[in-house]
């Protein structure tokens, strides 16, 4: 669970590529509260995609998404309501 109190709370650019998640992890993320931008940056081409996650949004990343893309929730100067994000990951037994 992540709490974003306002536009200054953010999540840095990263990939969920830990070994215990497996080669092609499935990650589901549900948002509640204020809208926030979610960005994806391609690791090689640096192409940038952005989507607005509204309250009730479900974002699913699977397949090679963690190998090919990195993602973040950037800071914003505009007013945004608080947001709670629940992230679900399957952990492989080691």
PDB file of N, CA and C in Angstrom:
ATOM      1  N   UNK A   1       0.849  -1.173   0.000  1.00  0.00           N
ATOM      2  CA  UNK A   1       0.000   0.000   0.000  1.00  0.00           C
ATOM      3  C   UNK A   1       0.895   1.237   0.000  1.00  0.00           C
ATOM      4  N   UNK A   2       0.541   2.194  -0.830  1.00  0.00           N
ATOM      5  CA  UNK A   2       1.242   3.474  -0.885  1.00  0.00           C
ATOM      6  C   UNK A   2       0.232   4.590  -0.668  1.00  0.00           C
ATOM      7  N   UNK A   3       0.612   5.565   0.136  1.00  0.00           N
ATOM      8  CA  UNK A   3      -0.201   6.756   0.365  1.00  0.00           C
ATOM      9  C   UNK A   3       0.502   7.943  -0.270  1.00  0.00           C
ATOM     10  N   UNK A   4      -0.212   8.616  -1.152  1.00  0.00           N
ATOM     11  CA  UNK A   4       0.265   9.850  -1.762  1.00  0.00           C
ATOM     12  C   UNK A   4      -0.592  10.965  -1.170  1.00  0.00           C
ATOM     13  N   UNK A   5      -0.035  11.715  -0.227  1.00  0.00           N
ATOM     14  CA  UNK A   5      -0.808  12.728   0.502  1.00  0.00           C
ATOM     15  C   UNK A   5      -1.172  13.916  -0.372  1.00  0.00           C
ATOM     16  N   UNK A   6      -0.258  14.267  -1.275  1.00  0.00           N
ATOM     17  CA  UNK A   6      -0.471  15.410  -2.166  1.00  0.00           C
ATOM     18  C   UNK A   6       0.440  15.247  -3.378  1.00  0.00           C
ATOM     19  N   UNK A   7       0.553  16.288  -4.192  1.00  0.00           N
ATOM     20  CA  UNK A   7       1.343  16.209  -5.406  1.00  0.00           C
ATOM     21  C   UNK A   7       2.840  16.092  -5.188  1.00  0.00           C
ATOM     22  N   UNK A   8       3.299  16.340  -3.962  1.00  0.00           N
ATOM     23  CA  UNK A   8       4.729  16.223  -3.680  1.00  0.00           C
ATOM     24  C   UNK A   8       5.155  14.796  -3.356  1.00  0.00           C
ATOM     25  N   UNK A   9       4.205  13.944  -2.994  1.00  0.00           N
ATOM     26  CA  UNK A   9       4.515  12.526  -2.789  1.00  0.00           C
ATOM     27  C   UNK A   9       4.599  11.860  -4.154  1.00  0.00           C
ATOM     28  N   UNK A  10       5.614  11.046  -4.344  1.00  0.00           N
ATOM     29  CA  UNK A  10       5.849  10.447  -5.654  1.00  0.00           C
ATOM     30  C   UNK A  10       6.494   9.072  -5.496  1.00  0.00           C
ATOM     31  N   UNK A  11       6.622   8.377  -6.627  1.00  0.00           N
ATOM     32  CA  UNK A  11       7.341   7.103  -6.684  1.00  0.00           C
ATOM     33  C   UNK A  11       8.363   7.239  -7.801  1.00  0.00           C
ATOM     34  N   UNK A  12       9.616   7.027  -7.488  1.00  0.00           N
ATOM     35  CA  UNK A  12      10.685   7.182  -8.467  1.00  0.00           C
ATOM     36  C   UNK A  12      10.641   6.139  -9.576  1.00  0.00           C
ATOM     37  N   UNK A  13      11.366   6.428 -10.629  1.00  0.00           N
ATOM     38  CA  UNK A  13      11.440   5.553 -11.794  1.00  0.00           C
ATOM     39  C   UNK A  13      12.074   4.219 -11.400  1.00  0.00           C
ATOM     40  N   UNK A  14      11.379   3.125 -11.706  1.00  0.00           N
ATOM     41  CA  UNK A  14      11.862   1.795 -11.336  1.00  0.00           C
ATOM     42  C   UNK A  14      11.148   0.724 -12.156  1.00  0.00           C
ATOM     43  N   UNK A  15      11.595  -0.499 -12.008  1.00  0.00           N
ATOM     44  CA  UNK A  15      10.914  -1.674 -12.556  1.00  0.00           C
ATOM     45  C   UNK A  15      10.783  -2.678 -11.423  1.00  0.00           C
ATOM     46  N   UNK A  16       9.693  -3.407 -11.415  1.00  0.00           N
ATOM     47  CA  UNK A  16       9.487  -4.464 -10.425  1.00  0.00           C
ATOM     48  C   UNK A  16      10.095  -5.743 -11.004  1.00  0.00           C
ATOM     49  N   UNK A  17      11.417  -5.823 -10.947  1.00  0.00           N
ATOM     50  CA  UNK A  17      12.119  -6.930 -11.597  1.00  0.00           C
ATOM     51  C   UNK A  17      12.933  -7.777 -10.618  1.00  0.00           C
ATOM     52  N   UNK A  18      12.476  -7.832  -9.375  1.00  0.00           N
ATOM     53  CA  UNK A  18      13.157  -8.644  -8.379  1.00  0.00           C
ATOM     54  C   UNK A  18      13.036 -10.125  -8.746  1.00  0.00           C
ATOM     55  N   UNK A  19      14.065 -10.925  -8.488  1.00  0.00           N
ATOM     56  CA  UNK A  19      14.052 -12.344  -8.874  1.00  0.00           C
ATOM     57  C   UNK A  19      12.851 -13.121  -8.340  1.00  0.00           C
ATOM     58  N   UNK A  20      12.411 -12.813  -7.138  1.00  0.00           N
ATOM     59  CA  UNK A  20      11.296 -13.562  -6.547  1.00  0.00           C
ATOM     60  C   UNK A  20       9.961 -13.320  -7.251  1.00  0.00           C
ATOM     61  N   UNK A  21       9.905 -12.325  -8.141  1.00  0.00           N
ATOM     62  CA  UNK A  21       8.684 -12.069  -8.909  1.00  0.00           C
ATOM     63  C   UNK A  21       8.624 -12.897 -10.188  1.00  0.00           C
ATOM     64  N   UNK A  22       9.725 -13.549 -10.541  1.00  0.00           N
ATOM     65  CA  UNK A  22       9.752 -14.383 -11.740  1.00  0.00           C
ATOM     66  C   UNK A  22      10.160 -13.597 -12.978  1.00  0.00           C
ATOM     67  N   UNK A  23      10.306 -14.311 -14.095  1.00  0.00           N
ATOM     68  CA  UNK A  23      10.782 -13.713 -15.348  1.00  0.00           C
ATOM     69  C   UNK A  23       9.764 -12.768 -15.978  1.00  0.00           C
ATOM     70  N   UNK A  24       8.487 -13.086 -15.858  1.00  0.00           N
ATOM     71  CA  UNK A  24       7.425 -12.258 -16.438  1.00  0.00           C
ATOM     72  C   UNK A  24       6.348 -12.021 -15.382  1.00  0.00           C
ATOM     73  N   UNK A  25       6.634 -11.164 -14.400  1.00  0.00           N
ATOM     74  CA  UNK A  25       5.690 -10.978 -13.300  1.00  0.00           C
ATOM     75  C   UNK A  25       4.382 -10.327 -13.740  1.00  0.00           C
ATOM     76  N   UNK A  26       3.329 -10.651 -13.002  1.00  0.00           N
ATOM     77  CA  UNK A  26       2.033  -9.994 -13.169  1.00  0.00           C
ATOM     78  C   UNK A  26       1.845  -9.107 -11.948  1.00  0.00           C
ATOM     79  N   UNK A  27       1.644  -7.821 -12.192  1.00  0.00           N
ATOM     80  CA  UNK A  27       1.491  -6.845 -11.119  1.00  0.00           C
ATOM     81  C   UNK A  27       0.203  -6.080 -11.366  1.00  0.00           C
ATOM     82  N   UNK A  28      -0.651  -6.046 -10.352  1.00  0.00           N
ATOM     83  CA  UNK A  28      -1.926  -5.326 -10.443  1.00  0.00           C
ATOM     84  C   UNK A  28      -1.912  -4.190  -9.435  1.00  0.00           C
ATOM     85  N   UNK A  29      -2.410  -3.041  -9.843  1.00  0.00           N
ATOM     86  CA  UNK A  29      -2.395  -1.851  -9.011  1.00  0.00           C
ATOM     87  C   UNK A  29      -3.775  -1.186  -9.069  1.00  0.00           C
ATOM     88  N   UNK A  30      -4.370  -0.959  -7.900  1.00  0.00           N
ATOM     89  CA  UNK A  30      -5.687  -0.321  -7.807  1.00  0.00           C
ATOM     90  C   UNK A  30      -5.523   1.027  -7.114  1.00  0.00           C
ATOM     91  N   UNK A  31      -6.127   2.070  -7.679  1.00  0.00           N
ATOM     92  CA  UNK A  31      -6.020   3.430  -7.147  1.00  0.00           C
ATOM     93  C   UNK A  31      -7.331   3.883  -6.525  1.00  0.00           C
ATOM     94  N   UNK A  32      -7.215   4.584  -5.400  1.00  0.00           N
ATOM     95  CA  UNK A  32      -8.373   5.170  -4.719  1.00  0.00           C
ATOM     96  C   UNK A  32      -8.039   6.606  -4.351  1.00  0.00           C
ATOM     97  N   UNK A  33      -8.955   7.526  -4.612  1.00  0.00           N
ATOM     98  CA  UNK A  33      -8.741   8.921  -4.248  1.00  0.00           C
ATOM     99  C   UNK A  33      -8.423   9.770  -5.460  1.00  0.00           C
ATOM    100  N   UNK A  34      -7.491  10.701  -5.283  1.00  0.00           N
ATOM    101  CA  UNK A  34      -7.164  11.662  -6.330  1.00  0.00           C
ATOM    102  C   UNK A  34      -6.510  11.049  -7.550  1.00  0.00           C
ATOM    103  N   UNK A  35      -6.720  11.693  -8.695  1.00  0.00           N
ATOM    104  CA  UNK A  35      -6.095  11.263  -9.949  1.00  0.00           C
ATOM    105  C   UNK A  35      -4.593  11.553  -9.895  1.00  0.00           C
ATOM    106  N   UNK A  36      -3.801  10.634 -10.447  1.00  0.00           N
ATOM    107  CA  UNK A  36      -2.355  10.865 -10.589  1.00  0.00           C
ATOM    108  C   UNK A  36      -1.881  10.314 -11.919  1.00  0.00           C
ATOM    109  N   UNK A  37      -0.869  10.944 -12.461  1.00  0.00           N
ATOM    110  CA  UNK A  37      -0.260  10.461 -13.697  1.00  0.00           C
ATOM    111  C   UNK A  37       0.682   9.307 -13.391  1.00  0.00           C
ATOM    112  N   UNK A  38       0.649   8.310 -14.261  1.00  0.00           N
ATOM    113  CA  UNK A  38       1.522   7.143 -14.191  1.00  0.00           C
ATOM    114  C   UNK A  38       2.292   7.124 -15.500  1.00  0.00           C
ATOM    115  N   UNK A  39       3.619   7.104 -15.408  1.00  0.00           N
ATOM    116  CA  UNK A  39       4.435   7.154 -16.616  1.00  0.00           C
ATOM    117  C   UNK A  39       5.195   5.847 -16.818  1.00  0.00           C
ATOM    118  N   UNK A  40       5.338   5.488 -18.073  1.00  0.00           N
ATOM    119  CA  UNK A  40       6.143   4.333 -18.481  1.00  0.00           C
ATOM    120  C   UNK A  40       7.233   4.844 -19.415  1.00  0.00           C
ATOM    121  N   UNK A  41       8.480   4.445 -19.161  1.00  0.00           N
ATOM    122  CA  UNK A  41       9.586   4.834 -20.036  1.00  0.00           C
ATOM    123  C   UNK A  41      10.272   3.580 -20.561  1.00  0.00           C
ATOM    124  N   UNK A  42      10.351   3.459 -21.882  1.00  0.00           N
ATOM    125  CA  UNK A  42      10.997   2.298 -22.496  1.00  0.00           C
ATOM    126  C   UNK A  42      12.493   2.324 -22.187  1.00  0.00           C
ATOM    127  N   UNK A  43      13.023   1.192 -21.786  1.00  0.00           N
ATOM    128  CA  UNK A  43      14.429   1.124 -21.366  1.00  0.00           C
ATOM    129  C   UNK A  43      15.402   1.449 -22.497  1.00  0.00           C
ATOM    130  N   UNK A  44      15.112   1.030 -23.723  1.00  0.00           N
ATOM    131  CA  UNK A  44      16.060   1.251 -24.826  1.00  0.00           C
ATOM    132  C   UNK A  44      15.779   2.540 -25.593  1.00  0.00           C
ATOM    133  N   UNK A  45      14.557   2.704 -26.067  1.00  0.00           N
ATOM    134  CA  UNK A  45      14.245   3.857 -26.920  1.00  0.00           C
ATOM    135  C   UNK A  45      13.987   5.131 -26.117  1.00  0.00           C
ATOM    136  N   UNK A  46      13.743   4.986 -24.816  1.00  0.00           N
ATOM    137  CA  UNK A  46      13.403   6.115 -23.924  1.00  0.00           C
ATOM    138  C   UNK A  46      12.027   6.705 -24.232  1.00  0.00           C
ATOM    139  N   UNK A  47      11.243   6.027 -25.096  1.00  0.00           N
ATOM    140  CA  UNK A  47       9.868   6.459 -25.376  1.00  0.00           C
ATOM    141  C   UNK A  47       9.120   6.605 -24.055  1.00  0.00           C
ATOM    142  N   UNK A  48       8.304   7.651 -23.948  1.00  0.00           N
ATOM    143  CA  UNK A  48       7.553   7.922 -22.729  1.00  0.00           C
ATOM    144  C   UNK A  48       6.057   7.837 -23.009  1.00  0.00           C
ATOM    145  N   UNK A  49       5.359   7.061 -22.212  1.00  0.00           N
ATOM    146  CA  UNK A  49       3.899   6.955 -22.268  1.00  0.00           C
ATOM    147  C   UNK A  49       3.362   7.415 -20.920  1.00  0.00           C
ATOM    148  N   UNK A  50       2.193   8.037 -20.921  1.00  0.00           N
ATOM    149  CA  UNK A  50       1.601   8.514 -19.675  1.00  0.00           C
ATOM    150  C   UNK A  50       0.113   8.216 -19.671  1.00  0.00           C
ATOM    151  N   UNK A  51      -0.385   7.800 -18.513  1.00  0.00           N
ATOM    152  CA  UNK A  51      -1.811   7.541 -18.355  1.00  0.00           C
ATOM    153  C   UNK A  51      -2.242   8.143 -17.018  1.00  0.00           C
ATOM    154  N   UNK A  52      -3.442   8.696 -16.981  1.00  0.00           N
ATOM    155  CA  UNK A  52      -3.992   9.231 -15.738  1.00  0.00           C
ATOM    156  C   UNK A  52      -4.768   8.125 -15.037  1.00  0.00           C
ATOM    157  N   UNK A  53      -4.416   7.865 -13.790  1.00  0.00           N
ATOM    158  CA  UNK A  53      -5.099   6.843 -13.002  1.00  0.00           C
ATOM    159  C   UNK A  53      -6.108   7.522 -12.083  1.00  0.00           C
ATOM    160  N   UNK A  54      -7.380   7.341 -12.383  1.00  0.00           N
ATOM    161  CA  UNK A  54      -8.465   7.906 -11.580  1.00  0.00           C
ATOM    162  C   UNK A  54      -8.834   6.933 -10.466  1.00  0.00           C
ATOM    163  N   UNK A  55      -9.624   7.406  -9.526  1.00  0.00           N
ATOM    164  CA  UNK A  55     -10.086   6.541  -8.441  1.00  0.00           C
ATOM    165  C   UNK A  55     -10.839   5.347  -9.014  1.00  0.00           C
ATOM    166  N   UNK A  56     -10.481   4.158  -8.559  1.00  0.00           N
ATOM    167  CA  UNK A  56     -11.094   2.934  -9.054  1.00  0.00           C
ATOM    168  C   UNK A  56     -10.358   2.312 -10.220  1.00  0.00           C
ATOM    169  N   UNK A  57      -9.298   2.975 -10.712  1.00  0.00           N
ATOM    170  CA  UNK A  57      -8.530   2.435 -11.833  1.00  0.00           C
ATOM    171  C   UNK A  57      -7.801   1.161 -11.432  1.00  0.00           C
ATOM    172  N   UNK A  58      -7.762   0.221 -12.371  1.00  0.00           N
ATOM    173  CA  UNK A  58      -6.968  -0.995 -12.221  1.00  0.00           C
ATOM    174  C   UNK A  58      -5.928  -0.992 -13.330  1.00  0.00           C
ATOM    175  N   UNK A  59      -4.666  -1.030 -12.947  1.00  0.00           N
ATOM    176  CA  UNK A  59      -3.561  -1.097 -13.893  1.00  0.00           C
ATOM    177  C   UNK A  59      -2.911  -2.464 -13.736  1.00  0.00           C
ATOM    178  N   UNK A  60      -2.759  -3.189 -14.844  1.00  0.00           N
ATOM    179  CA  UNK A  60      -2.106  -4.500 -14.808  1.00  0.00           C
ATOM    180  C   UNK A  60      -0.895  -4.456 -15.728  1.00  0.00           C
ATOM    181  N   UNK A  61       0.249  -4.845 -15.190  1.00  0.00           N
ATOM    182  CA  UNK A  61       1.476  -4.969 -15.973  1.00  0.00           C
ATOM    183  C   UNK A  61       1.857  -6.444 -15.970  1.00  0.00           C
ATOM    184  N   UNK A  62       2.166  -6.978 -17.152  1.00  0.00           N
ATOM    185  CA  UNK A  62       2.489  -8.404 -17.236  1.00  0.00           C
ATOM    186  C   UNK A  62       3.439  -8.642 -18.401  1.00  0.00           C
ATOM    187  N   UNK A  63       3.738  -9.909 -18.651  1.00  0.00           N
ATOM    188  CA  UNK A  63       4.620 -10.259 -19.756  1.00  0.00           C
ATOM    189  C   UNK A  63       6.002  -9.665 -19.567  1.00  0.00           C
ATOM    190  N   UNK A  64       6.523  -9.049 -20.613  1.00  0.00           N
ATOM    191  CA  UNK A  64       7.868  -8.470 -20.577  1.00  0.00           C
ATOM    192  C   UNK A  64       7.877  -7.012 -20.126  1.00  0.00           C
ATOM    193  N   UNK A  65       6.769  -6.537 -19.568  1.00  0.00           N
ATOM    194  CA  UNK A  65       6.672  -5.116 -19.218  1.00  0.00           C
ATOM    195  C   UNK A  65       7.791  -4.668 -18.278  1.00  0.00           C
ATOM    196  N   UNK A  66       8.175  -5.483 -17.320  1.00  0.00           N
ATOM    197  CA  UNK A  66       9.206  -5.073 -16.361  1.00  0.00           C
ATOM    198  C   UNK A  66      10.608  -5.151 -16.959  1.00  0.00           C
ATOM    199  N   UNK A  67      10.789  -5.983 -17.979  1.00  0.00           N
ATOM    200  CA  UNK A  67      12.090  -6.074 -18.647  1.00  0.00           C
ATOM    201  C   UNK A  67      12.281  -4.945 -19.656  1.00  0.00           C
ATOM    202  N   UNK A  68      11.190  -4.492 -20.261  1.00  0.00           N
ATOM    203  CA  UNK A  68      11.269  -3.500 -21.343  1.00  0.00           C
ATOM    204  C   UNK A  68      10.974  -2.070 -20.900  1.00  0.00           C
ATOM    205  N   UNK A  69      10.234  -1.904 -19.814  1.00  0.00           N
ATOM    206  CA  UNK A  69       9.776  -0.581 -19.391  1.00  0.00           C
ATOM    207  C   UNK A  69      10.107  -0.329 -17.926  1.00  0.00           C
ATOM    208  N   UNK A  70      10.287   0.941 -17.585  1.00  0.00           N
ATOM    209  CA  UNK A  70      10.365   1.383 -16.195  1.00  0.00           C
ATOM    210  C   UNK A  70       9.158   2.286 -15.977  1.00  0.00           C
ATOM    211  N   UNK A  71       8.773   2.498 -14.723  1.00  0.00           N
ATOM    212  CA  UNK A  71       7.579   3.297 -14.462  1.00  0.00           C
ATOM    213  C   UNK A  71       7.758   4.150 -13.214  1.00  0.00           C
ATOM    214  N   UNK A  72       6.936   5.207 -13.132  1.00  0.00           N
ATOM    215  CA  UNK A  72       6.963   6.084 -11.963  1.00  0.00           C
ATOM    216  C   UNK A  72       5.640   6.824 -11.816  1.00  0.00           C
ATOM    217  N   UNK A  73       5.491   7.449 -10.663  1.00  0.00           N
ATOM    218  CA  UNK A  73       4.400   8.393 -10.389  1.00  0.00           C
ATOM    219  C   UNK A  73       5.111   9.700 -10.043  1.00  0.00           C
ATOM    220  N   UNK A  74       5.159  10.648 -10.992  1.00  0.00           N
ATOM    221  CA  UNK A  74       5.943  11.865 -10.772  1.00  0.00           C
ATOM    222  C   UNK A  74       5.250  12.861  -9.843  1.00  0.00           C
ATOM    223  N   UNK A  75       6.060  13.752  -9.287  1.00  0.00           N
ATOM    224  CA  UNK A  75       5.512  14.864  -8.512  1.00  0.00           C
ATOM    225  C   UNK A  75       4.729  15.778  -9.448  1.00  0.00           C
ATOM    226  N   UNK A  76       3.788  16.524  -8.875  1.00  0.00           N
ATOM    227  CA  UNK A  76       3.038  17.511  -9.647  1.00  0.00           C
ATOM    228  C   UNK A  76       2.840  18.756  -8.791  1.00  0.00           C
ATOM    229  N   UNK A  77       2.841  19.917  -9.439  1.00  0.00           N
ATOM    230  CA  UNK A  77       2.618  21.175  -8.725  1.00  0.00           C
ATOM    231  C   UNK A  77       1.140  21.510  -8.605  1.00  0.00           C
ATOM    232  N   UNK A  78       0.308  20.840  -9.424  1.00  0.00           N
ATOM    233  CA  UNK A  78      -1.121  21.139  -9.356  1.00  0.00           C
ATOM    234  C   UNK A  78      -1.735  20.466  -8.128  1.00  0.00           C
ATOM    235  N   UNK A  79      -2.857  21.002  -7.690  1.00  0.00           N
ATOM    236  CA  UNK A  79      -3.539  20.429  -6.531  1.00  0.00           C
ATOM    237  C   UNK A  79      -4.103  19.060  -6.889  1.00  0.00           C
ATOM    238  N   UNK A  80      -3.819  18.081  -6.055  1.00  0.00           N
ATOM    239  CA  UNK A  80      -4.399  16.749  -6.213  1.00  0.00           C
ATOM    240  C   UNK A  80      -4.837  16.255  -4.841  1.00  0.00           C
ATOM    241  N   UNK A  81      -5.936  15.533  -4.829  1.00  0.00           N
ATOM    242  CA  UNK A  81      -6.408  14.942  -3.582  1.00  0.00           C
ATOM    243  C   UNK A  81      -5.505  13.779  -3.194  1.00  0.00           C
ATOM    244  N   UNK A  82      -5.579  13.398  -1.936  1.00  0.00           N
ATOM    245  CA  UNK A  82      -4.813  12.246  -1.463  1.00  0.00           C
ATOM    246  C   UNK A  82      -5.207  11.006  -2.257  1.00  0.00           C
ATOM    247  N   UNK A  83      -4.255  10.099  -2.414  1.00  0.00           N
ATOM    248  CA  UNK A  83      -4.473   8.877  -3.196  1.00  0.00           C
ATOM    249  C   UNK A  83      -3.862   7.702  -2.452  1.00  0.00           C
ATOM    250  N   UNK A  84      -4.584   6.606  -2.436  1.00  0.00           N
ATOM    251  CA  UNK A  84      -4.063   5.347  -1.910  1.00  0.00           C
ATOM    252  C   UNK A  84      -3.957   4.384  -3.076  1.00  0.00           C
ATOM    253  N   UNK A  85      -2.841   3.697  -3.137  1.00  0.00           N
ATOM    254  CA  UNK A  85      -2.583   2.717  -4.190  1.00  0.00           C
ATOM    255  C   UNK A  85      -2.308   1.364  -3.542  1.00  0.00           C
ATOM    256  N   UNK A  86      -3.052   0.361  -3.962  1.00  0.00           N
ATOM    257  CA  UNK A  86      -2.820  -1.010  -3.509  1.00  0.00           C
ATOM    258  C   UNK A  86      -2.176  -1.775  -4.653  1.00  0.00           C
ATOM    259  N   UNK A  87      -1.018  -2.357  -4.404  1.00  0.00           N
ATOM    260  CA  UNK A  87      -0.296  -3.108  -5.427  1.00  0.00           C
ATOM    261  C   UNK A  87      -0.236  -4.570  -5.026  1.00  0.00           C
ATOM    262  N   UNK A  88      -0.553  -5.426  -5.987  1.00  0.00           N
ATOM    263  CA  UNK A  88      -0.575  -6.873  -5.755  1.00  0.00           C
ATOM    264  C   UNK A  88       0.469  -7.531  -6.644  1.00  0.00           C
ATOM    265  N   UNK A  89       1.310  -8.368  -6.017  1.00  0.00           N
ATOM    266  CA  UNK A  89       2.361  -9.089  -6.736  1.00  0.00           C
ATOM    267  C   UNK A  89       2.345 -10.542  -6.289  1.00  0.00           C
ATOM    268  N   UNK A  90       2.561 -11.449  -7.230  1.00  0.00           N
ATOM    269  CA  UNK A  90       2.715 -12.861  -6.889  1.00  0.00           C
ATOM    270  C   UNK A  90       4.192 -13.108  -6.612  1.00  0.00           C
ATOM    271  N   UNK A  91       4.489 -13.661  -5.439  1.00  0.00           N
ATOM    272  CA  UNK A  91       5.864 -13.967  -5.058  1.00  0.00           C
ATOM    273  C   UNK A  91       6.103 -15.457  -5.258  1.00  0.00           C
ATOM    274  N   UNK A  92       7.081 -15.802  -6.084  1.00  0.00           N
ATOM    275  CA  UNK A  92       7.441 -17.210  -6.283  1.00  0.00           C
ATOM    276  C   UNK A  92       8.160 -17.731  -5.047  1.00  0.00           C
ATOM    277  N   UNK A  93       7.895 -18.982  -4.668  1.00  0.00           N
ATOM    278  CA  UNK A  93       8.645 -19.554  -3.556  1.00  0.00           C
ATOM    279  C   UNK A  93      10.055 -19.878  -4.035  1.00  0.00           C
ATOM    280  N   UNK A  94      10.976 -19.633  -3.154  1.00  0.00           N
ATOM    281  CA  UNK A  94      12.390 -19.826  -3.516  1.00  0.00           C
ATOM    282  C   UNK A  94      12.903 -21.105  -2.894  1.00  0.00           C
TER     283      UNK A  94
END
